[in-house]
Every structure is written in structure tokens, then in C-alpha cells.
Amino acid sequence: MKGSFAFHILYLDCIYLYQVVEKMKFEIKVLILSLVFSLVCMLLFTYVGTFTQKTIYAYQVGIYKEESNKDNKLAELKEEGIEGMYYLKDNQYYVISMMSDSEKEIMEHASQVKGIMKTYVVSSDMTYQALLDDLSRGKVYD
């Protein structure tokens, strides 16, 4: 019953709107339709792209020139119960202690380990390893 009442009200609103539009001049109709079209396009291009993206948070704990220093840091992390990872870019080893889709998890992790948080906006099907591979090739994410 409520649904049919709401539909009836919507139907009456549409009839009223149609009558108002019928009385308008052609130029005003064009102006209103162009504004509506602009709004639809803005919403479409602003929000549809974000449905296919996600943010990956990474916690970087060091950058090392020497492989032995990188290995030492990874061993130190392992002793603390943290499975670290790294990527090589421009002859430097970037050591990451954690990657997550949750900013909250990274912030909790930051209370245990000294480092910096980095954010990467990537496609929704991107894996952590694929991100590390892209970063090692020099790809930049904003």
C-alpha cells in the first residue's frame, strides 16, 4: 500500500513538473537540460572510476644501498614476528614491513615499528606482489 501511494505521489510530481516545463520558453528548457546533463556527466566521471580502484597502504621501514643491510632489516623484522618484503629500484632496496587495504591496520602497525606510511591508488585487482613489481620498475602511483 505504501509503495503504491509513493508511486502515485511521484506520478503526480512528474505530471506537475511536465506542466511547468511545458510553459517554459525554449531557451530555458535548453539551459535546464544542459545543466542536468552536465551534472550527470560530472557524477559519472567522478565516481564511476573509483569503483574499479582501491587504495593499498604500505609501511616502509628502510631504504638500503647494500643488500646485506636489507637482509639484516628483514631478519630483524622476522624476529619481531613480521614478514617483511622489499623491492629494488635504482640500485636501492626499499623494505616494507606491512601492506594492507586497511589504513587502520597500518596505523596499528605503525605503533610497533618505526617507518613511514605510503599510499597507492591502484586497480581493484592489483595484488601486493604486482604493486611491488611495478614500483621496482619505477611506476609512480598517485
N, C-alpha and C. Protein backbone atom coordinates (compact mmCIF):
# COMPACT_ATOMS: atom_id res chain seq x y z
N MET A 1 0.82 -1.19 0.00
CA MET A 1 0.00 0.00 0.00
C MET A 1 0.86 1.26 0.00
N LYS A 2 1.90 1.25 0.88
CA LYS A 2 2.77 2.42 0.94
C LYS A 2 3.49 2.64 -0.38
N GLY A 3 3.91 1.54 -1.02
CA GLY A 3 4.62 1.66 -2.28
C GLY A 3 3.74 2.27 -3.36
N SER A 4 2.48 1.87 -3.42
CA SER A 4 1.60 2.42 -4.44
C SER A 4 1.29 3.88 -4.16
N PHE A 5 1.20 4.26 -2.88
CA PHE A 5 0.97 5.65 -2.52
C PHE A 5 2.17 6.50 -2.94
N ALA A 6 3.37 6.01 -2.65
CA ALA A 6 4.58 6.73 -3.02
C ALA A 6 4.68 6.85 -4.53
N PHE A 7 4.31 5.78 -5.24
CA PHE A 7 4.34 5.83 -6.70
C PHE A 7 3.34 6.86 -7.21
N HIS A 8 2.17 6.92 -6.60
CA HIS A 8 1.15 7.88 -7.01
C HIS A 8 1.64 9.31 -6.81
N ILE A 9 2.27 9.57 -5.66
CA ILE A 9 2.83 10.91 -5.39
C ILE A 9 3.91 11.24 -6.42
N LEU A 10 4.77 10.28 -6.72
CA LEU A 10 5.83 10.50 -7.71
C LEU A 10 5.21 10.79 -9.08
N TYR A 11 4.16 10.06 -9.41
CA TYR A 11 3.47 10.27 -10.69
C TYR A 11 2.89 11.68 -10.76
N LEU A 12 2.27 12.14 -9.67
CA LEU A 12 1.71 13.49 -9.65
C LEU A 12 2.80 14.54 -9.76
N ASP A 13 3.94 14.29 -9.09
CA ASP A 13 5.07 15.22 -9.19
C ASP A 13 5.58 15.30 -10.62
N CYS A 14 5.65 14.17 -11.29
CA CYS A 14 6.11 14.16 -12.68
C CYS A 14 5.14 14.92 -13.58
N ILE A 15 3.84 14.75 -13.35
CA ILE A 15 2.84 15.48 -14.16
C ILE A 15 2.98 16.98 -13.92
N TYR A 16 3.14 17.36 -12.65
CA TYR A 16 3.30 18.77 -12.33
C TYR A 16 4.56 19.33 -12.99
N LEU A 17 5.66 18.60 -12.89
CA LEU A 17 6.91 19.04 -13.50
C LEU A 17 6.76 19.17 -15.01
N TYR A 18 6.07 18.23 -15.61
CA TYR A 18 5.83 18.29 -17.06
C TYR A 18 5.04 19.53 -17.43
N GLN A 19 4.03 19.87 -16.63
CA GLN A 19 3.22 21.05 -16.91
C GLN A 19 4.04 22.32 -16.76
N VAL A 20 4.91 22.36 -15.76
CA VAL A 20 5.76 23.53 -15.55
C VAL A 20 6.72 23.68 -16.73
N VAL A 21 7.32 22.57 -17.16
CA VAL A 21 8.27 22.61 -18.26
C VAL A 21 7.57 23.02 -19.56
N GLU A 22 6.35 22.58 -19.76
CA GLU A 22 5.59 22.92 -20.97
C GLU A 22 5.40 24.43 -21.10
N LYS A 23 5.26 25.14 -19.99
CA LYS A 23 5.01 26.58 -20.01
C LYS A 23 6.28 27.39 -20.20
N MET A 24 7.46 26.76 -20.04
CA MET A 24 8.73 27.48 -20.16
C MET A 24 9.07 27.78 -21.61
N LYS A 25 9.89 28.77 -21.78
CA LYS A 25 10.38 29.11 -23.10
C LYS A 25 11.44 28.08 -23.51
N PHE A 26 11.65 27.96 -24.80
CA PHE A 26 12.60 27.01 -25.34
C PHE A 26 14.01 27.21 -24.77
N GLU A 27 14.47 28.44 -24.65
CA GLU A 27 15.82 28.73 -24.18
C GLU A 27 16.03 28.25 -22.73
N ILE A 28 14.99 28.42 -21.93
CA ILE A 28 15.10 27.99 -20.53
C ILE A 28 15.16 26.47 -20.47
N LYS A 29 14.38 25.81 -21.30
CA LYS A 29 14.42 24.34 -21.36
C LYS A 29 15.81 23.85 -21.73
N VAL A 30 16.41 24.48 -22.72
CA VAL A 30 17.76 24.11 -23.15
C VAL A 30 18.75 24.33 -22.01
N LEU A 31 18.63 25.44 -21.31
CA LEU A 31 19.53 25.74 -20.19
C LEU A 31 19.39 24.69 -19.09
N ILE A 32 18.16 24.36 -18.74
CA ILE A 32 17.94 23.37 -17.67
C ILE A 32 18.47 22.00 -18.09
N LEU A 33 18.18 21.59 -19.30
CA LEU A 33 18.66 20.29 -19.77
C LEU A 33 20.18 20.24 -19.84
N SER A 34 20.81 21.33 -20.23
CA SER A 34 22.29 21.33 -20.29
C SER A 34 22.88 21.26 -18.88
N LEU A 35 22.23 21.92 -17.91
CA LEU A 35 22.71 21.82 -16.53
C LEU A 35 22.55 20.40 -15.98
N VAL A 36 21.42 19.79 -16.27
CA VAL A 36 21.19 18.41 -15.82
C VAL A 36 22.19 17.48 -16.48
N PHE A 37 22.43 17.64 -17.77
CA PHE A 37 23.40 16.80 -18.49
C PHE A 37 24.80 16.98 -17.91
N SER A 38 25.18 18.22 -17.61
CA SER A 38 26.50 18.49 -17.02
C SER A 38 26.65 17.81 -15.67
N LEU A 39 25.60 17.89 -14.86
CA LEU A 39 25.64 17.26 -13.54
C LEU A 39 25.77 15.74 -13.65
N VAL A 40 25.02 15.15 -14.56
CA VAL A 40 25.10 13.70 -14.76
C VAL A 40 26.50 13.30 -15.22
N CYS A 41 27.06 14.03 -16.16
CA CYS A 41 28.42 13.72 -16.64
C CYS A 41 29.45 13.87 -15.53
N MET A 42 29.33 14.93 -14.73
CA MET A 42 30.27 15.15 -13.64
C MET A 42 30.23 13.98 -12.65
N LEU A 43 29.03 13.58 -12.28
CA LEU A 43 28.89 12.47 -11.34
C LEU A 43 29.41 11.17 -11.95
N LEU A 44 29.11 10.97 -13.21
CA LEU A 44 29.55 9.76 -13.89
C LEU A 44 31.07 9.65 -13.92
N PHE A 45 31.74 10.72 -14.35
CA PHE A 45 33.19 10.67 -14.49
C PHE A 45 33.91 10.78 -13.15
N THR A 46 33.26 11.32 -12.15
CA THR A 46 33.89 11.44 -10.84
C THR A 46 33.84 10.14 -10.06
N TYR A 47 32.69 9.47 -10.07
CA TYR A 47 32.51 8.33 -9.19
C TYR A 47 32.62 6.97 -9.86
N VAL A 48 32.36 6.86 -11.12
CA VAL A 48 32.41 5.55 -11.77
C VAL A 48 33.84 5.00 -11.79
N GLY A 49 34.82 5.85 -11.99
CA GLY A 49 36.22 5.40 -12.00
C GLY A 49 36.68 4.86 -10.66
N THR A 50 36.12 5.36 -9.56
CA THR A 50 36.56 4.90 -8.25
C THR A 50 36.04 3.51 -7.92
N PHE A 51 35.03 3.02 -8.62
CA PHE A 51 34.53 1.68 -8.37
C PHE A 51 35.54 0.62 -8.80
N THR A 52 36.43 0.96 -9.69
CA THR A 52 37.41 0.00 -10.20
C THR A 52 38.79 0.21 -9.58
N GLN A 53 38.85 1.01 -8.51
CA GLN A 53 40.13 1.29 -7.86
C GLN A 53 40.06 0.94 -6.38
N LYS A 54 41.24 0.76 -5.81
CA LYS A 54 41.36 0.58 -4.37
C LYS A 54 42.65 1.25 -3.92
N THR A 55 42.78 1.44 -2.63
CA THR A 55 44.00 2.03 -2.07
C THR A 55 44.74 0.95 -1.30
N ILE A 56 46.02 0.82 -1.60
CA ILE A 56 46.89 -0.09 -0.85
C ILE A 56 47.81 0.78 0.00
N TYR A 57 47.86 0.45 1.28
CA TYR A 57 48.73 1.16 2.22
C TYR A 57 49.96 0.30 2.47
N ALA A 58 51.12 0.92 2.39
CA ALA A 58 52.38 0.21 2.63
C ALA A 58 53.13 0.94 3.73
N TYR A 59 53.79 0.18 4.60
CA TYR A 59 54.58 0.77 5.67
C TYR A 59 56.05 0.49 5.39
N GLN A 60 56.76 1.54 4.99
CA GLN A 60 58.17 1.43 4.59
C GLN A 60 59.05 1.67 5.82
N VAL A 61 59.98 0.74 6.05
CA VAL A 61 60.84 0.83 7.24
C VAL A 61 62.30 1.07 6.92
N GLY A 62 62.64 1.17 5.65
CA GLY A 62 64.03 1.45 5.32
C GLY A 62 64.32 1.44 3.84
N ILE A 63 65.39 2.16 3.49
CA ILE A 63 65.94 2.15 2.12
C ILE A 63 67.43 1.88 2.28
N TYR A 64 67.93 0.85 1.59
CA TYR A 64 69.32 0.44 1.77
C TYR A 64 70.03 0.28 0.44
N LYS A 65 71.28 0.72 0.41
CA LYS A 65 72.12 0.54 -0.78
C LYS A 65 72.70 -0.88 -0.81
N GLU A 66 73.06 -1.37 0.36
CA GLU A 66 73.71 -2.69 0.46
C GLU A 66 72.67 -3.79 0.69
N GLU A 67 72.81 -4.87 -0.04
CA GLU A 67 71.88 -5.99 0.11
C GLU A 67 71.96 -6.58 1.51
N SER A 68 73.16 -6.59 2.10
CA SER A 68 73.32 -7.15 3.44
C SER A 68 72.52 -6.35 4.48
N ASN A 69 72.46 -5.03 4.31
CA ASN A 69 71.67 -4.20 5.23
C ASN A 69 70.17 -4.51 5.09
N LYS A 70 69.74 -4.71 3.86
CA LYS A 70 68.35 -5.08 3.61
C LYS A 70 68.05 -6.42 4.27
N ASP A 71 68.94 -7.38 4.11
CA ASP A 71 68.75 -8.71 4.71
C ASP A 71 68.72 -8.63 6.23
N ASN A 72 69.57 -7.78 6.79
CA ASN A 72 69.59 -7.60 8.26
C ASN A 72 68.26 -7.02 8.74
N LYS A 73 67.73 -6.06 8.02
CA LYS A 73 66.45 -5.45 8.42
C LYS A 73 65.31 -6.47 8.31
N LEU A 74 65.30 -7.25 7.24
CA LEU A 74 64.28 -8.29 7.09
C LEU A 74 64.37 -9.33 8.20
N ALA A 75 65.62 -9.68 8.60
CA ALA A 75 65.81 -10.63 9.70
C ALA A 75 65.33 -10.03 11.01
N GLU A 76 65.60 -8.76 11.22
CA GLU A 76 65.14 -8.06 12.43
C GLU A 76 63.61 -8.06 12.50
N LEU A 77 62.98 -7.80 11.37
CA LEU A 77 61.52 -7.82 11.32
C LEU A 77 60.98 -9.22 11.61
N LYS A 78 61.65 -10.23 11.05
CA LYS A 78 61.21 -11.62 11.25
C LYS A 78 61.29 -12.00 12.73
N GLU A 79 62.34 -11.54 13.42
CA GLU A 79 62.48 -11.79 14.86
C GLU A 79 61.32 -11.18 15.64
N GLU A 80 60.77 -10.06 15.13
CA GLU A 80 59.64 -9.40 15.77
C GLU A 80 58.31 -10.02 15.34
N GLY A 81 58.37 -11.06 14.50
CA GLY A 81 57.15 -11.72 14.05
C GLY A 81 56.50 -11.05 12.85
N ILE A 82 57.27 -10.24 12.14
CA ILE A 82 56.74 -9.50 10.99
C ILE A 82 57.39 -10.04 9.72
N GLU A 83 56.56 -10.45 8.78
CA GLU A 83 57.06 -10.95 7.50
C GLU A 83 57.25 -9.76 6.55
N GLY A 84 58.46 -9.26 6.48
CA GLY A 84 58.75 -8.10 5.64
C GLY A 84 58.89 -8.46 4.18
N MET A 85 58.90 -7.44 3.34
CA MET A 85 59.10 -7.63 1.90
C MET A 85 59.91 -6.45 1.39
N TYR A 86 60.37 -6.54 0.17
CA TYR A 86 61.19 -5.46 -0.38
C TYR A 86 61.02 -5.42 -1.89
N TYR A 87 61.47 -4.29 -2.44
CA TYR A 87 61.61 -4.18 -3.89
C TYR A 87 62.87 -3.37 -4.18
N LEU A 88 63.46 -3.63 -5.33
CA LEU A 88 64.70 -2.99 -5.74
C LEU A 88 64.39 -1.95 -6.81
N LYS A 89 64.81 -0.71 -6.56
CA LYS A 89 64.60 0.37 -7.53
C LYS A 89 65.82 1.28 -7.49
N ASP A 90 66.35 1.56 -8.66
CA ASP A 90 67.52 2.45 -8.78
C ASP A 90 68.66 2.02 -7.87
N ASN A 91 68.94 0.72 -7.84
CA ASN A 91 70.02 0.14 -7.04
C ASN A 91 69.87 0.39 -5.54
N GLN A 92 68.62 0.55 -5.09
CA GLN A 92 68.35 0.70 -3.66
C GLN A 92 67.24 -0.29 -3.29
N TYR A 93 67.37 -0.85 -2.08
CA TYR A 93 66.38 -1.80 -1.58
C TYR A 93 65.39 -1.06 -0.67
N TYR A 94 64.14 -1.10 -1.03
CA TYR A 94 63.08 -0.50 -0.24
C TYR A 94 62.42 -1.62 0.57
N VAL A 95 62.51 -1.52 1.90
CA VAL A 95 61.99 -2.56 2.77
C VAL A 95 60.63 -2.12 3.31
N ILE A 96 59.66 -3.01 3.12
CA ILE A 96 58.28 -2.78 3.56
C ILE A 96 57.97 -3.79 4.66
N SER A 97 57.45 -3.30 5.78
CA SER A 97 57.13 -4.23 6.86
C SER A 97 55.69 -4.72 6.79
N MET A 98 54.82 -3.97 6.10
CA MET A 98 53.43 -4.41 6.01
C MET A 98 52.75 -3.72 4.83
N MET A 99 51.85 -4.46 4.18
CA MET A 99 50.98 -3.90 3.15
C MET A 99 49.56 -4.33 3.49
N SER A 100 48.61 -3.41 3.30
CA SER A 100 47.22 -3.72 3.64
C SER A 100 46.28 -2.82 2.86
N ASP A 101 45.04 -3.28 2.73
CA ASP A 101 43.98 -2.45 2.15
C ASP A 101 43.33 -1.58 3.23
N SER A 102 43.71 -1.82 4.49
CA SER A 102 43.11 -1.12 5.62
C SER A 102 44.09 -0.12 6.23
N GLU A 103 43.72 1.14 6.20
CA GLU A 103 44.56 2.17 6.81
C GLU A 103 44.65 1.97 8.32
N LYS A 104 43.57 1.49 8.92
CA LYS A 104 43.55 1.25 10.37
C LYS A 104 44.60 0.22 10.77
N GLU A 105 44.71 -0.86 9.99
CA GLU A 105 45.72 -1.89 10.29
C GLU A 105 47.13 -1.32 10.21
N ILE A 106 47.37 -0.48 9.21
CA ILE A 106 48.69 0.12 9.05
C ILE A 106 48.99 1.06 10.22
N MET A 107 48.00 1.81 10.66
CA MET A 107 48.21 2.74 11.78
C MET A 107 48.51 1.96 13.07
N GLU A 108 47.85 0.83 13.28
CA GLU A 108 48.15 -0.01 14.44
C GLU A 108 49.57 -0.56 14.34
N HIS A 109 49.95 -0.97 13.14
CA HIS A 109 51.30 -1.48 12.90
C HIS A 109 52.35 -0.39 13.15
N ALA A 110 52.01 0.85 12.81
CA ALA A 110 52.95 1.97 12.98
C ALA A 110 53.30 2.20 14.45
N SER A 111 52.43 1.79 15.34
CA SER A 111 52.73 1.96 16.77
C SER A 111 53.79 0.97 17.24
N GLN A 112 54.07 -0.07 16.44
CA GLN A 112 55.04 -1.09 16.81
C GLN A 112 56.39 -0.92 16.11
N VAL A 113 56.36 -0.35 14.93
CA VAL A 113 57.57 -0.26 14.10
C VAL A 113 57.76 1.17 13.62
N LYS A 114 59.02 1.61 13.59
CA LYS A 114 59.31 2.96 13.10
C LYS A 114 59.43 2.93 11.58
N GLY A 115 58.74 3.86 10.93
CA GLY A 115 58.79 3.93 9.47
C GLY A 115 57.83 4.99 8.96
N ILE A 116 57.49 4.90 7.67
CA ILE A 116 56.56 5.85 7.09
C ILE A 116 55.49 5.09 6.28
N MET A 117 54.28 5.65 6.29
CA MET A 117 53.19 5.04 5.54
C MET A 117 53.14 5.66 4.15
N LYS A 118 52.95 4.81 3.16
CA LYS A 118 52.78 5.26 1.79
C LYS A 118 51.45 4.72 1.28
N THR A 119 50.78 5.50 0.44
CA THR A 119 49.51 5.07 -0.13
C THR A 119 49.62 4.99 -1.64
N TYR A 120 48.97 3.98 -2.20
CA TYR A 120 48.98 3.77 -3.64
C TYR A 120 47.55 3.49 -4.10
N VAL A 121 47.04 4.31 -5.01
CA VAL A 121 45.72 4.08 -5.60
C VAL A 121 45.94 3.25 -6.85
N VAL A 122 45.38 2.04 -6.83
CA VAL A 122 45.63 1.06 -7.89
C VAL A 122 44.31 0.46 -8.36
N SER A 123 44.38 -0.35 -9.40
CA SER A 123 43.18 -1.04 -9.88
C SER A 123 42.72 -2.04 -8.83
N SER A 124 41.45 -2.35 -8.83
CA SER A 124 40.89 -3.20 -7.77
C SER A 124 41.42 -4.63 -7.79
N ASP A 125 41.99 -5.05 -8.91
CA ASP A 125 42.51 -6.42 -8.98
C ASP A 125 44.03 -6.50 -8.73
N MET A 126 44.65 -5.40 -8.35
CA MET A 126 46.09 -5.36 -8.11
C MET A 126 46.45 -6.14 -6.84
N THR A 127 47.48 -6.99 -6.94
CA THR A 127 47.98 -7.72 -5.78
C THR A 127 49.17 -6.97 -5.19
N TYR A 128 49.53 -7.33 -3.97
CA TYR A 128 50.67 -6.67 -3.34
C TYR A 128 51.95 -6.94 -4.11
N GLN A 129 52.13 -8.17 -4.57
CA GLN A 129 53.34 -8.51 -5.32
C GLN A 129 53.39 -7.75 -6.64
N ALA A 130 52.25 -7.63 -7.31
CA ALA A 130 52.21 -6.88 -8.57
C ALA A 130 52.55 -5.41 -8.33
N LEU A 131 52.09 -4.86 -7.21
CA LEU A 131 52.43 -3.48 -6.87
C LEU A 131 53.93 -3.34 -6.64
N LEU A 132 54.52 -4.27 -5.88
CA LEU A 132 55.97 -4.23 -5.65
C LEU A 132 56.74 -4.34 -6.96
N ASP A 133 56.27 -5.19 -7.86
CA ASP A 133 56.93 -5.33 -9.16
C ASP A 133 56.86 -4.02 -9.95
N ASP A 134 55.69 -3.38 -9.94
CA ASP A 134 55.53 -2.09 -10.63
C ASP A 134 56.43 -1.02 -10.03
N LEU A 135 56.50 -0.99 -8.70
CA LEU A 135 57.34 0.01 -8.03
C LEU A 135 58.81 -0.21 -8.37
N SER A 136 59.24 -1.47 -8.47
CA SER A 136 60.63 -1.74 -8.80
C SER A 136 60.96 -1.31 -10.23
N ARG A 137 59.95 -1.30 -11.09
CA ARG A 137 60.15 -0.82 -12.48
C ARG A 137 60.05 0.69 -12.59
N GLY A 138 59.75 1.35 -11.48
CA GLY A 138 59.71 2.81 -11.47
C GLY A 138 58.34 3.41 -11.73
N LYS A 139 57.30 2.59 -11.75
CA LYS A 139 55.95 3.13 -11.98
C LYS A 139 55.54 3.96 -10.77
N VAL A 140 54.93 5.10 -11.05
CA VAL A 140 54.52 6.02 -9.99
C VAL A 140 52.99 5.97 -9.85
N TYR A 141 52.53 5.84 -8.61
CA TYR A 141 51.10 5.86 -8.31
C TYR A 141 50.79 7.09 -7.50
N ASP A 142 49.69 7.75 -7.85
CA ASP A 142 49.27 8.95 -7.10
C ASP A 142 48.13 8.63 -6.18
